[in-house]
Structure formats: C-alpha cells, structure tokens
Amino acid sequence: MSTSNILSKQLRELFKEVFIENCSIEESSMTIEESNTIEEIDDSEVLENLKDIITNLLSFKRDFKNADSAELVKKTSQFESMLQKLEAEVRRHISVEHQLKLHIETNQTHTEDLENENYKHLNEIKDLQEKVKSFAKIKNDKKNLKILTEKVAKLEEDLKKKDFLTKKLENEVVELRAAINSPHFEPEKLLFNKIRGKREDDYEDIKQKFEEKSMGLQKIQKIIQEKSVRNNRERNKIIRKSVNESDMIRNKIFDIKLASKIINKTHIRSTSEQVRAKSVGRRPPSH
C-alpha cells in the first residue's frame, strides 16, 4: 500500500471519528449511508468537511470564550457592587457601633451621676431624719421643761407658804419668850406641856414636808442635769435655760434648808414661848 493510500485511510478514519463525536454532541448517531458516503467521497471533500467541522469548533470556542468573559465581567461587576454595598454596610455598622459606645459612655456617666445624687439624697434624708428626731426630742424636752417649770412654780408657792409659816413661828417664838419671863409661867406649865406636844407634832409634819419638797427639788435638779448632758448643740439655748432654772432650784433648796435649820433651832423654844403668849393673853387679875 502506498503512502497516499495510508494517508487517505487515516484522514477518513479521523474524519469519521470527528463526525461521530459531533453527532454524539448533537444527540444523534451516524447512519450507514453516512459511513458509506465517507468511504466513497474523495480526499478533497473529506478535507473540506473536516475543515468545516474544525472551523465550527473554533467559532464555538470563540463564542464560548466571549460569552464566558462577558459573564465574568458581569459577575465581577455584580461582585464589586455587592462588595461596595457590604463595605457601606460595614461602615454604617461601625458608625452605629461608635454611636452606641458614645451612648453607653454617656449612660454610664449619667448613671454614676444619678448614683452620686442618690447617695447624696440618702445622706440628706438621713440628716433630715436625725433632725426630725432631734426636733421631736427638743419638743419633748420643752414639754418636760414646762412640766418642771410648773412644778418649780408650785414648789415656790409652797415655799412662800412655808416662809409665811416660818415668820408666824418666829412671831410665836417672840411671844413665847415673853411668856417665859412672865411670873405666871409656872402655874401654866401643864398647859405648856400640852401645847408643846401639839407644836412638836406640827413641827414634825412641817419638817417632813420640807424634806419631801427638798427631795423633789433634788430629783428635778438631777433630771434637768441629765437632760442637759444628752442634749446636742441645737438645744444649747434650752440647756442654758435649764441650767439657769437649775440654779434657781438650787437656791430654793438652799433657802428651804436654811429655813429648816431655823425652824430646828427654834423648835424647843417655840412651843414654850407660845404657851407663855397664850398664858399672857388670859392672865388672871392680880390680888
């Protein structure tokens, strides 16, 4: 077999394979007639048909590449657009995040200010409660002071009565001294003893009352002193007033004690002098 025949045979076999593959791509098959025709046509027609197939293939490849490039460009444009949108969204989120951080910092500062104000208000409320308690205590102390003042006034009234009684007893002492020097003192000794016993009883009652009043004044003095110790600076005026009244009470106590001593000294003589005074009052006519 010559070389030309071998090339012709290889060319036909190549064309036949290409034709079969092309039919397969187009979802068809090569018929017997087409196979016989390939064997019957000359080499030039085989080359022409093979050229057409190769040309169509190159054209399809070109179109595919162009279409693929256009698709890639389109997709790239879409991706760039999406990327720009995402970048804008990210920037917006960053801006929102920054604003949120500022808002959080502002809220934290505001919260701290509110906590400080709350702490300050709690301290003010506590101070006001203490002041209310102090005012209530001052009011109670004023009430107690008023009661003590009334008691002192009553004791002063009683003291006036006791002073009056003391003066009366002093007058009786003078009268009794005069009665002792009377020549009729001995005959009236029995009457003297009787009156003396009564006067001693009266003196004991008076002395007991003086002691009770003195103890009462001492208790009042002690209460006022205790109140003055417990009171704070806000009650300085009340304390000074209480101290002044305490001084008055101590003076009254001193006067009462002094009066009691005077009565005690004149106790023995007062009854006898009173007897003498009464004896002088009803002295019988001398013979």
Protein backbone atom coordinates (compact mmCIF):
# COMPACT_ATOMS: atom_id res chain seq x y z
CA MET A 1 0.00 0.00 0.00
CA SER A 2 1.34 3.34 -0.97
CA THR A 3 1.81 6.29 1.35
CA SER A 4 -1.04 8.24 -0.24
CA ASN A 5 -3.40 5.43 0.37
CA ILE A 6 -2.32 5.23 4.02
CA LEU A 7 -2.84 9.00 4.48
CA SER A 8 -6.20 8.81 2.78
CA LYS A 9 -7.27 5.98 5.02
CA GLN A 10 -6.05 7.80 8.20
CA LEU A 11 -7.75 11.01 7.04
CA ARG A 12 -11.05 9.22 6.52
CA GLU A 13 -10.75 7.48 9.91
CA LEU A 14 -10.05 10.86 11.58
CA PHE A 15 -12.98 12.47 9.83
CA LYS A 16 -15.19 9.54 10.76
CA GLU A 17 -14.22 9.89 14.49
CA VAL A 18 -14.80 13.62 14.41
CA PHE A 19 -18.14 13.17 12.66
CA ILE A 20 -19.25 10.51 15.16
CA GLU A 21 -18.25 12.80 18.09
CA ASN A 22 -20.11 15.71 16.54
CA CYS A 23 -23.21 13.56 16.13
CA SER A 24 -22.91 12.49 19.75
CA ILE A 25 -22.74 16.12 20.84
CA GLU A 26 -25.84 16.88 18.79
CA GLU A 27 -27.52 13.82 20.39
CA SER A 28 -27.69 11.83 17.11
CA SER A 29 -25.80 8.93 15.53
CA MET A 30 -24.04 8.31 12.26
CA THR A 31 -26.04 6.21 9.79
CA ILE A 32 -24.74 3.50 7.49
CA GLU A 33 -25.37 5.70 4.48
CA GLU A 34 -23.25 8.46 6.01
CA SER A 35 -20.47 5.94 6.78
CA ASN A 36 -20.56 4.63 3.18
CA THR A 37 -20.56 8.17 1.86
CA ILE A 38 -17.41 8.98 3.86
CA GLU A 39 -15.76 5.94 2.28
CA GLU A 40 -16.90 6.91 -1.24
CA ILE A 41 -16.05 10.61 -1.36
CA ASP A 42 -12.62 11.68 -2.43
CA ASP A 43 -9.95 13.05 -0.15
CA SER A 44 -10.57 16.69 -1.04
CA GLU A 45 -14.19 16.53 0.14
CA VAL A 46 -13.09 14.77 3.31
CA LEU A 47 -10.65 17.60 3.98
CA GLU A 48 -13.33 20.19 3.20
CA ASN A 49 -15.80 18.57 5.60
CA LEU A 50 -13.11 18.21 8.24
CA LYS A 51 -12.23 21.88 7.75
CA ASP A 52 -15.87 22.89 8.24
CA ILE A 53 -16.05 20.89 11.45
CA ILE A 54 -12.80 22.44 12.76
CA THR A 55 -13.98 25.93 11.75
CA ASN A 56 -17.30 25.44 13.52
CA LEU A 57 -15.46 24.17 16.60
CA LEU A 58 -13.15 27.18 16.67
CA SER A 59 -16.10 29.52 16.18
CA PHE A 60 -17.96 27.86 19.02
CA LYS A 61 -14.90 28.12 21.22
CA ARG A 62 -14.56 31.80 20.41
CA ASP A 63 -18.20 32.45 21.15
CA PHE A 64 -17.93 30.49 24.38
CA LYS A 65 -14.91 32.45 25.48
CA ASN A 66 -16.61 35.73 24.65
CA ALA A 67 -19.72 34.66 26.49
CA ASP A 68 -17.66 33.44 29.44
CA SER A 69 -15.73 36.71 29.52
CA ALA A 70 -18.95 38.71 29.42
CA GLU A 71 -20.37 36.55 32.19
CA LEU A 72 -17.22 37.02 34.19
CA VAL A 73 -17.34 40.76 33.65
CA LYS A 74 -20.97 40.80 34.65
CA LYS A 75 -20.33 38.69 37.72
CA THR A 76 -17.29 40.79 38.57
CA SER A 77 -19.40 43.93 38.32
CA GLN A 78 -22.05 42.33 40.47
CA PHE A 79 -19.44 41.25 43.00
CA GLU A 80 -17.96 44.74 43.04
CA SER A 81 -21.40 46.23 43.56
CA MET A 82 -22.11 43.74 46.34
CA LEU A 83 -18.70 44.46 47.83
CA GLN A 84 -19.40 48.20 47.79
CA LYS A 85 -22.76 47.59 49.44
CA LEU A 86 -21.13 45.38 52.05
CA GLU A 87 -18.42 47.96 52.65
CA ALA A 88 -21.08 50.66 53.05
CA GLU A 89 -22.98 48.36 55.43
CA VAL A 90 -19.81 47.70 57.40
CA ARG A 91 -19.09 51.42 57.60
CA ARG A 92 -22.66 52.02 58.74
CA HIS A 93 -22.31 49.30 61.38
CA ILE A 94 -19.02 50.82 62.51
CA SER A 95 -20.70 54.24 62.77
CA VAL A 96 -23.62 52.74 64.69
CA GLU A 97 -21.20 50.88 66.95
CA HIS A 98 -19.31 54.11 67.62
CA GLN A 99 -22.56 55.91 68.39
CA LEU A 100 -23.60 53.07 70.68
CA LYS A 101 -20.27 53.27 72.51
CA LEU A 102 -20.73 57.01 72.97
CA HIS A 103 -24.29 56.41 74.13
CA ILE A 104 -23.12 53.73 76.55
CA GLU A 105 -20.41 56.02 77.93
CA THR A 106 -22.95 58.82 78.29
CA ASN A 107 -25.37 56.48 80.05
CA GLN A 108 -22.61 55.24 82.35
CA THR A 109 -21.68 58.81 83.22
CA HIS A 110 -25.33 59.65 83.78
CA THR A 111 -25.75 56.51 85.88
CA GLU A 112 -22.75 57.45 88.01
CA ASP A 113 -24.15 60.96 88.45
CA LEU A 114 -27.51 59.51 89.44
CA GLU A 115 -25.84 57.14 91.89
CA ASN A 116 -23.92 60.04 93.42
CA GLU A 117 -27.10 62.10 93.64
CA ASN A 118 -28.91 59.12 95.13
CA TYR A 119 -26.16 58.69 97.73
CA LYS A 120 -26.28 62.41 98.45
CA HIS A 121 -30.07 62.34 98.77
CA LEU A 122 -29.88 59.32 101.07
CA ASN A 123 -27.44 61.21 103.30
CA GLU A 124 -29.73 64.25 103.23
CA ILE A 125 -32.70 62.07 104.13
CA LYS A 126 -30.69 60.55 106.96
CA ASP A 127 -29.70 64.01 108.21
CA LEU A 128 -33.31 65.18 107.97
CA GLN A 129 -34.47 62.12 109.89
CA GLU A 130 -31.88 62.86 112.57
CA LYS A 131 -33.06 66.48 112.67
CA VAL A 132 -36.68 65.34 112.92
CA LYS A 133 -35.74 63.06 115.80
CA SER A 134 -33.77 65.89 117.39
CA PHE A 135 -36.68 68.31 116.95
CA ALA A 136 -39.07 65.75 118.39
CA LYS A 137 -36.72 65.29 121.33
CA ILE A 138 -36.44 69.05 121.76
CA LYS A 139 -40.22 69.30 121.66
CA ASN A 140 -40.45 66.56 124.27
CA ASP A 141 -37.78 68.31 126.35
CA LYS A 142 -39.73 71.56 126.07
CA LYS A 143 -42.81 69.73 127.27
CA ASN A 144 -40.85 68.20 130.15
CA LEU A 145 -39.31 71.59 130.88
CA LYS A 146 -42.76 73.11 131.00
CA ILE A 147 -43.84 70.43 133.46
CA LEU A 148 -40.72 71.03 135.54
CA THR A 149 -41.34 74.78 135.42
CA GLU A 150 -44.86 74.23 136.67
CA LYS A 151 -43.51 72.01 139.44
CA VAL A 152 -40.95 74.67 140.37
CA ALA A 153 -43.68 77.31 140.40
CA LYS A 154 -45.76 75.09 142.65
CA LEU A 155 -42.77 74.50 144.91
CA GLU A 156 -42.14 78.24 145.01
CA GLU A 157 -45.75 78.73 146.04
CA ASP A 158 -45.35 76.09 148.73
CA LEU A 159 -42.13 77.76 149.79
CA LYS A 160 -43.94 81.07 150.14
CA LYS A 161 -46.46 79.35 152.34
CA LYS A 162 -43.65 77.81 154.38
CA ASP A 163 -41.96 81.22 154.63
CA PHE A 164 -45.20 82.65 155.90
CA LEU A 165 -45.46 79.83 158.41
CA THR A 166 -41.83 80.36 159.43
CA LYS A 167 -42.46 84.04 160.04
CA LYS A 168 -45.51 83.12 162.02
CA LEU A 169 -43.44 80.70 164.09
CA GLU A 170 -40.81 83.38 164.62
CA ASN A 171 -43.52 85.70 165.91
CA GLU A 172 -44.72 82.95 168.17
CA VAL A 173 -41.13 82.48 169.38
CA VAL A 174 -41.03 86.14 170.35
CA GLU A 175 -44.34 85.80 172.14
CA LEU A 176 -43.20 82.63 173.90
CA ARG A 177 -40.01 84.29 175.05
CA ALA A 178 -42.11 86.99 176.57
CA ALA A 179 -44.33 84.35 178.18
CA ILE A 180 -41.32 82.58 179.70
CA ASN A 181 -40.33 85.73 181.55
CA SER A 182 -43.89 86.05 182.92
CA PRO A 183 -44.41 85.31 186.69
CA HIS A 184 -47.37 83.11 185.76
CA PHE A 185 -45.17 80.72 183.72
CA GLU A 186 -45.00 78.00 186.44
CA PRO A 187 -48.76 77.74 187.13
CA GLU A 188 -49.38 77.21 183.47
CA LYS A 189 -46.71 74.54 182.99
CA LEU A 190 -49.29 71.82 182.37
CA LEU A 191 -50.87 73.86 179.63
CA PHE A 192 -47.39 74.49 178.23
CA ASN A 193 -46.63 70.78 178.06
CA LYS A 194 -49.91 70.12 176.29
CA ILE A 195 -49.34 72.86 173.73
CA ARG A 196 -45.71 71.87 173.39
CA GLY A 197 -46.65 68.34 172.38
CA LYS A 198 -49.00 69.68 169.75
CA ARG A 199 -46.36 72.08 168.43
CA GLU A 200 -43.81 69.31 168.21
CA ASP A 201 -46.22 67.26 166.14
CA ASP A 202 -46.86 70.25 163.88
CA TYR A 203 -43.14 70.81 163.54
CA GLU A 204 -42.50 67.19 162.62
CA ASP A 205 -45.17 67.43 159.91
CA ILE A 206 -43.67 70.64 158.59
CA LYS A 207 -40.18 69.20 158.72
CA GLN A 208 -41.30 66.07 156.86
CA LYS A 209 -42.99 68.19 154.19
CA PHE A 210 -39.85 70.29 153.84
CA GLU A 211 -37.76 67.15 153.41
CA GLU A 212 -40.17 65.77 150.79
CA LYS A 213 -40.10 69.04 148.86
CA SER A 214 -36.31 69.12 149.13
CA MET A 215 -36.05 65.58 147.74
CA GLY A 216 -38.44 66.52 144.94
CA LEU A 217 -36.32 69.53 144.05
CA GLN A 218 -33.19 67.39 144.07
CA LYS A 219 -34.82 64.88 141.70
CA ILE A 220 -35.87 67.71 139.40
CA GLN A 221 -32.34 69.08 139.52
CA LYS A 222 -30.93 65.64 138.61
CA ILE A 223 -33.39 65.26 135.70
CA ILE A 224 -32.50 68.68 134.33
CA GLN A 225 -28.79 67.90 134.60
CA GLU A 226 -29.28 64.58 132.75
CA LYS A 227 -31.28 66.36 130.05
CA SER A 228 -28.60 69.00 129.65
CA VAL A 229 -25.93 66.28 129.14
CA ARG A 230 -27.92 64.40 126.46
CA ASN A 231 -28.98 67.46 124.51
CA ASN A 232 -26.85 68.41 121.48
CA ARG A 233 -25.71 71.77 120.20
CA GLU A 234 -29.10 72.57 118.72
CA ARG A 235 -30.54 72.68 122.22
CA ASN A 236 -27.90 74.96 123.75
CA LYS A 237 -30.44 77.67 124.42
CA ILE A 238 -32.74 75.21 126.15
CA ILE A 239 -29.80 73.80 128.11
CA ARG A 240 -28.75 77.28 129.26
CA LYS A 241 -32.29 78.00 130.28
CA SER A 242 -32.49 74.69 132.12
CA VAL A 243 -29.19 75.40 133.87
CA ASN A 244 -30.47 78.80 134.98
CA GLU A 245 -33.62 77.21 136.28
CA SER A 246 -31.49 74.56 137.98
CA ASP A 247 -29.60 77.37 139.72
CA MET A 248 -32.91 78.84 140.81
CA ILE A 249 -33.99 75.45 142.13
CA ARG A 250 -30.69 75.03 143.99
CA ASN A 251 -31.19 78.48 145.51
CA LYS A 252 -34.69 77.47 146.54
CA ILE A 253 -33.34 74.24 148.02
CA PHE A 254 -30.74 76.25 149.91
CA ASP A 255 -33.46 78.60 151.20
CA ILE A 256 -35.59 75.63 152.22
CA LYS A 257 -32.67 74.00 154.02
CA LEU A 258 -31.88 77.32 155.70
CA ALA A 259 -35.49 77.72 156.76
CA SER A 260 -35.47 74.14 158.04
CA LYS A 261 -32.38 74.89 160.12
CA ILE A 262 -34.02 78.00 161.53
CA ILE A 263 -37.11 76.03 162.47
CA ASN A 264 -34.96 73.30 164.01
CA LYS A 265 -33.11 75.83 166.15
CA THR A 266 -36.29 77.43 167.35
CA HIS A 267 -38.15 74.16 167.85
CA ILE A 268 -37.68 73.77 171.60
CA ARG A 269 -38.27 77.38 172.42
CA SER A 270 -41.19 77.98 170.12
CA THR A 271 -43.69 75.79 171.94
CA SER A 272 -42.83 77.14 175.36
CA GLU A 273 -42.98 80.73 174.18
CA GLN A 274 -46.35 80.07 172.57
CA VAL A 275 -47.62 78.74 175.87
CA ARG A 276 -46.34 81.84 177.53
CA ALA A 277 -48.01 84.01 174.97
CA LYS A 278 -51.33 82.30 175.45
CA SER A 279 -50.91 82.48 179.23
CA VAL A 280 -50.27 86.18 178.99
CA GLY A 281 -53.37 86.53 176.91
CA ARG A 282 -55.62 85.11 179.64
CA ARG A 283 -53.65 86.17 182.76
CA PRO A 284 -55.93 86.40 185.85
CA PRO A 285 -56.13 89.70 187.65
CA SER A 286 -53.56 90.07 190.42
CA HIS A 287 -54.72 90.37 194.00
